[in-house]
Each structure stands twice: as structure tokens, then as C-alpha cells.
Amino acid sequence: MRARPVRHHLGVAVLAVALASATACTQETGGSAPAPSPTGTPTPTPSAEPVELAPGEPASFTLRTGPGRRSRVRLAVTEVTEGRIRHLSDFVLDAEGRRSTPYYADVRVANTGSGNLSRARITLWGLDSSGTVRPPAEVIGSFPRCQAQRAPKGFRRGRSMRTCLVYLVPRGSTLEAVQYRFDDDRPPVSWPVG
């Protein structure tokens, strides 16, 4: 994807829905992913009824970040904010992206187990009103409004972090929930929006 220079910044910025790398991200985080359809749009994924939590209410589970790397975490989606597409004017978007609504999900994670989750990527999925499960957009470049962060080096028991994930929801749909989806038969953990 071609990028144009960002105003007031050096370098370039790209915003892309990371469908091609969705499977790799999920294997790293232990979450399950819907398969992209031939058109490149995530397809609805049947699953068990989600476990719903209030904003800021934490879920505890084991996060797997690679072979032999895992730790118990406490994770919560603290707030989801609806944005405006003009917020993304410095980014290269395709035609569908320009007609989308961005949502920003603030996430807090604490390592409560004995494992080291250094540099782990935290991936949660967006469920929209059409029933489609969507990966977060991959932001390449600086976007202070909502910047995804990997876990810091030495992310061991007692350490915590914050990150923010961007979801682009097509016109005609709204974001209904942000979910952590497991790679087994467990129901997703879901933080409803609004």
C-alpha cells in the first residue's frame, strides 16, 4: 500500500486492516480469528454465546505469545470511543476505508502469572452490528489519538500496560463489542460498546 507523507511529521503513515496477517497475530496472542472472505472482508464466525463484561471489568486468562511462552493476565477494555474519519486524514485509506467509522478501544493488561510476555502483541477483535468479526487496523506511523503498543521488555508478574486499538467499521454498521477470542471452544470475552 502506498503512503503519503504525514503533515507535521517526518516519515510516512499507513492505516490498513491487517487481514493477511490476522492468523499470525492470533497465533501469537492465542485468540481465534475469522477467515478472510475472497473479497478481503472478515466473515461472520459462529461461536458460543460471549461472556459479557462491563467497561473496565477485567477478565483473567492465560495469554499465549508463542511456543512455551505464556502467562496469566488480567485484561480489560476500559473505554471505546467513536471517532470521525477526518481523524485519519493523514493516512492512506482505500475507498471503503474512507467511508468507514473509526472506533478507538483503550485496553489495560496486567501480567499476574509467572511467565515473561516481553514484546507480546495484544489483539482483540471488533464485533459489528452485521455480526462480522473484524481485526484491528494496523497503524504504521504515529497516531497519538490511539496508538497500539506491544508489551514492554521484561513484562513479568506485577507489570501492567495500556494500549489502544483502532477498528474501521463500514458505513451502515456500528461497533457492538470488543472481544478477546480464544483458539479453542471457550466463548469469547466481550465488552459491549455503549
Protein backbone atom coordinates (compact mmCIF):
# COMPACT_ATOMS: atom_id res chain seq x y z
CA MET A 1 0.00 0.00 0.00
CA ARG A 2 1.39 3.39 -0.97
CA ALA A 3 1.67 6.00 1.72
CA ARG A 4 1.89 9.77 1.54
CA PRO A 5 3.97 11.94 3.89
CA VAL A 6 2.28 12.83 7.17
CA ARG A 7 1.77 16.54 7.73
CA HIS A 8 3.91 17.94 10.55
CA HIS A 9 5.81 14.65 10.89
CA LEU A 10 8.79 13.05 9.21
CA GLY A 11 8.21 9.71 7.57
CA VAL A 12 5.03 8.08 6.34
CA ALA A 13 1.82 6.73 7.82
CA VAL A 14 -0.31 3.84 6.68
CA LEU A 15 -3.56 2.53 8.05
CA ALA A 16 -4.52 -0.94 6.90
CA VAL A 17 -6.80 -3.67 8.09
CA ALA A 18 -4.33 -6.45 8.74
CA LEU A 19 -6.27 -9.33 7.22
CA ALA A 20 -3.29 -11.06 5.66
CA SER A 21 -1.50 -11.22 8.99
CA ALA A 22 -4.58 -11.97 11.07
CA THR A 23 -3.68 -15.64 11.52
CA ALA A 24 -0.12 -14.85 12.58
CA CYS A 25 -1.32 -12.28 15.10
CA THR A 26 -3.79 -14.75 16.52
CA GLN A 27 -1.26 -17.50 16.95
CA GLU A 28 0.91 -15.04 18.83
CA THR A 29 -1.86 -13.99 21.20
CA GLY A 30 -3.79 -17.22 21.46
CA GLY A 31 -7.03 -15.72 20.13
CA SER A 32 -9.09 -17.23 17.34
CA ALA A 33 -9.61 -15.44 14.05
CA PRO A 34 -12.31 -15.44 11.41
CA ALA A 35 -11.05 -16.36 7.97
CA PRO A 36 -11.00 -13.54 5.43
CA SER A 37 -13.53 -13.94 2.65
CA PRO A 38 -12.39 -13.89 -1.02
CA THR A 39 -13.27 -10.18 -1.12
CA GLY A 40 -10.91 -9.49 1.76
CA THR A 41 -13.68 -8.77 4.27
CA PRO A 42 -13.83 -10.76 7.51
CA THR A 43 -16.75 -13.18 7.53
CA PRO A 44 -19.12 -13.80 10.44
CA THR A 45 -17.84 -16.51 12.75
CA PRO A 46 -20.30 -18.69 14.66
CA SER A 47 -19.30 -19.10 18.28
CA ALA A 48 -20.69 -19.76 21.72
CA GLU A 49 -22.57 -17.01 23.50
CA PRO A 50 -19.94 -14.50 24.68
CA VAL A 51 -19.19 -13.75 28.31
CA GLU A 52 -20.16 -10.09 28.63
CA LEU A 53 -18.29 -7.72 30.94
CA ALA A 54 -18.87 -4.06 31.76
CA PRO A 55 -16.35 -1.45 30.57
CA GLY A 56 -13.30 -1.65 32.81
CA GLU A 57 -14.30 -5.03 34.24
CA PRO A 58 -11.29 -7.35 33.87
CA ALA A 59 -11.14 -10.88 32.53
CA SER A 60 -8.42 -13.30 33.70
CA PHE A 61 -6.98 -15.94 31.39
CA THR A 62 -3.72 -17.40 30.13
CA LEU A 63 -2.22 -15.43 27.26
CA ARG A 64 0.00 -17.47 24.91
CA THR A 65 2.52 -15.49 22.89
CA GLY A 66 4.46 -18.31 21.25
CA PRO A 67 5.70 -21.85 21.83
CA GLY A 68 6.37 -22.27 25.53
CA ARG A 69 5.64 -18.60 26.24
CA ARG A 70 2.55 -17.88 28.27
CA SER A 71 1.36 -16.20 31.42
CA ARG A 72 -1.81 -15.45 33.30
CA VAL A 73 -3.10 -11.93 32.60
CA ARG A 74 -5.86 -9.62 33.76
CA LEU A 75 -7.22 -7.69 30.77
CA ALA A 76 -9.95 -5.07 30.48
CA VAL A 77 -11.36 -2.84 27.76
CA THR A 78 -11.78 0.38 29.71
CA GLU A 79 -13.40 2.59 27.09
CA VAL A 80 -14.49 2.56 23.44
CA THR A 81 -14.84 5.90 21.66
CA GLU A 82 -16.43 6.55 18.28
CA GLY A 83 -14.17 8.69 16.12
CA ARG A 84 -14.54 10.62 12.88
CA ILE A 85 -12.97 9.62 9.59
CA ARG A 86 -11.36 13.09 9.39
CA HIS A 87 -9.16 11.98 12.33
CA LEU A 88 -7.43 9.72 9.80
CA SER A 89 -6.85 12.34 7.10
CA ASP A 90 -3.07 11.87 7.33
CA PHE A 91 -3.36 8.18 6.48
CA VAL A 92 -3.73 6.38 3.17
CA LEU A 93 -7.15 4.71 3.04
CA ASP A 94 -8.88 2.79 0.29
CA ALA A 95 -12.40 3.77 -0.86
CA GLU A 96 -14.11 1.54 1.72
CA GLY A 97 -11.87 2.87 4.46
CA ARG A 98 -12.77 6.46 3.62
CA ARG A 99 -16.45 5.57 4.11
CA SER A 100 -15.84 3.86 7.46
CA THR A 101 -16.25 4.99 11.04
CA PRO A 102 -13.21 4.57 13.30
CA TYR A 103 -13.58 3.33 16.86
CA TYR A 104 -10.83 3.53 19.48
CA ALA A 105 -10.63 0.87 22.20
CA ASP A 106 -8.50 1.57 25.28
CA VAL A 107 -7.17 -1.65 26.81
CA ARG A 108 -5.31 -2.36 30.07
CA VAL A 109 -3.32 -5.53 30.66
CA ALA A 110 -1.59 -6.75 33.82
CA ASN A 111 0.70 -9.79 33.98
CA THR A 112 -0.45 -11.79 37.01
CA GLY A 113 1.32 -15.06 36.19
CA SER A 114 4.86 -16.37 36.27
CA GLY A 115 5.67 -16.00 32.55
CA ASN A 116 7.52 -13.23 30.72
CA LEU A 117 5.33 -11.66 28.00
CA SER A 118 8.05 -9.33 26.75
CA ARG A 119 7.08 -7.64 23.43
CA ALA A 120 3.76 -9.52 23.21
CA ARG A 121 1.15 -8.12 20.84
CA ILE A 122 -2.32 -7.81 22.35
CA THR A 123 -5.04 -8.49 19.77
CA LEU A 124 -8.75 -8.11 20.39
CA TRP A 125 -11.49 -8.30 17.77
CA GLY A 126 -14.33 -5.94 16.94
CA LEU A 127 -17.87 -7.32 16.51
CA ASP A 128 -20.04 -5.07 14.38
CA SER A 129 -23.81 -4.79 14.05
CA SER A 130 -23.82 -7.02 10.93
CA GLY A 131 -22.37 -9.87 13.01
CA THR A 132 -18.97 -9.56 11.35
CA VAL A 133 -15.84 -10.05 13.47
CA ARG A 134 -13.12 -7.58 12.43
CA PRO A 135 -9.42 -7.37 13.29
CA PRO A 136 -8.00 -4.08 14.49
CA ALA A 137 -6.49 -1.83 11.85
CA GLU A 138 -2.70 -1.79 11.69
CA VAL A 139 -1.41 1.74 12.13
CA ILE A 140 2.07 2.36 10.72
CA GLY A 141 3.29 5.72 11.90
CA SER A 142 2.35 7.99 14.77
CA PHE A 143 -1.29 8.37 15.75
CA PRO A 144 -1.38 9.85 19.26
CA ARG A 145 -5.18 9.62 19.43
CA CYS A 146 -4.95 5.81 19.58
CA GLN A 147 -1.59 4.05 19.40
CA ALA A 148 -1.22 0.28 19.65
CA GLN A 149 1.65 -0.81 21.88
CA ARG A 150 3.44 -4.12 22.30
CA ALA A 151 4.11 -5.24 25.85
CA PRO A 152 7.35 -3.71 27.15
CA LYS A 153 10.52 -5.73 27.55
CA GLY A 154 10.56 -7.70 30.78
CA PHE A 155 6.75 -7.78 31.02
CA ARG A 156 6.63 -10.07 34.06
CA ARG A 157 4.37 -10.59 37.08
CA GLY A 158 3.21 -7.31 38.59
CA ARG A 159 3.78 -5.21 35.45
CA SER A 160 0.93 -3.57 33.60
CA MET A 161 0.47 -1.71 30.33
CA ARG A 162 -2.04 0.24 28.29
CA THR A 163 -2.69 0.02 24.58
CA CYS A 164 -5.28 1.35 22.14
CA LEU A 165 -6.74 -0.46 19.13
CA VAL A 166 -8.39 1.13 16.08
CA TYR A 167 -11.34 -0.54 14.32
CA LEU A 168 -12.70 0.64 10.96
CA VAL A 169 -16.40 -0.21 10.65
CA PRO A 170 -18.05 0.16 7.22
CA ARG A 171 -20.85 2.61 6.60
CA GLY A 172 -24.18 1.19 7.68
CA SER A 173 -22.74 -0.77 10.61
CA THR A 174 -21.69 0.15 14.13
CA LEU A 175 -19.23 -1.43 16.52
CA GLU A 176 -21.18 -3.51 19.02
CA ALA A 177 -18.42 -5.08 21.14
CA VAL A 178 -14.69 -5.59 21.54
CA GLN A 179 -13.80 -9.22 22.19
CA TYR A 180 -10.95 -11.46 23.21
CA ARG A 181 -11.40 -14.66 21.22
CA PHE A 182 -9.74 -17.93 22.25
CA ASP A 183 -8.29 -20.55 19.90
CA ASP A 184 -10.39 -23.32 21.46
CA ASP A 185 -14.10 -23.85 22.23
CA ARG A 186 -14.28 -21.29 25.03
CA PRO A 187 -16.74 -18.46 24.39
CA PRO A 188 -15.23 -15.05 23.65
CA VAL A 189 -14.95 -12.46 26.38
CA SER A 190 -16.91 -9.42 25.22
CA TRP A 191 -17.04 -5.79 26.28
CA PRO A 192 -20.18 -4.26 24.71
CA VAL A 193 -19.92 -0.76 23.24
CA GLY A 194 -22.27 1.87 24.58
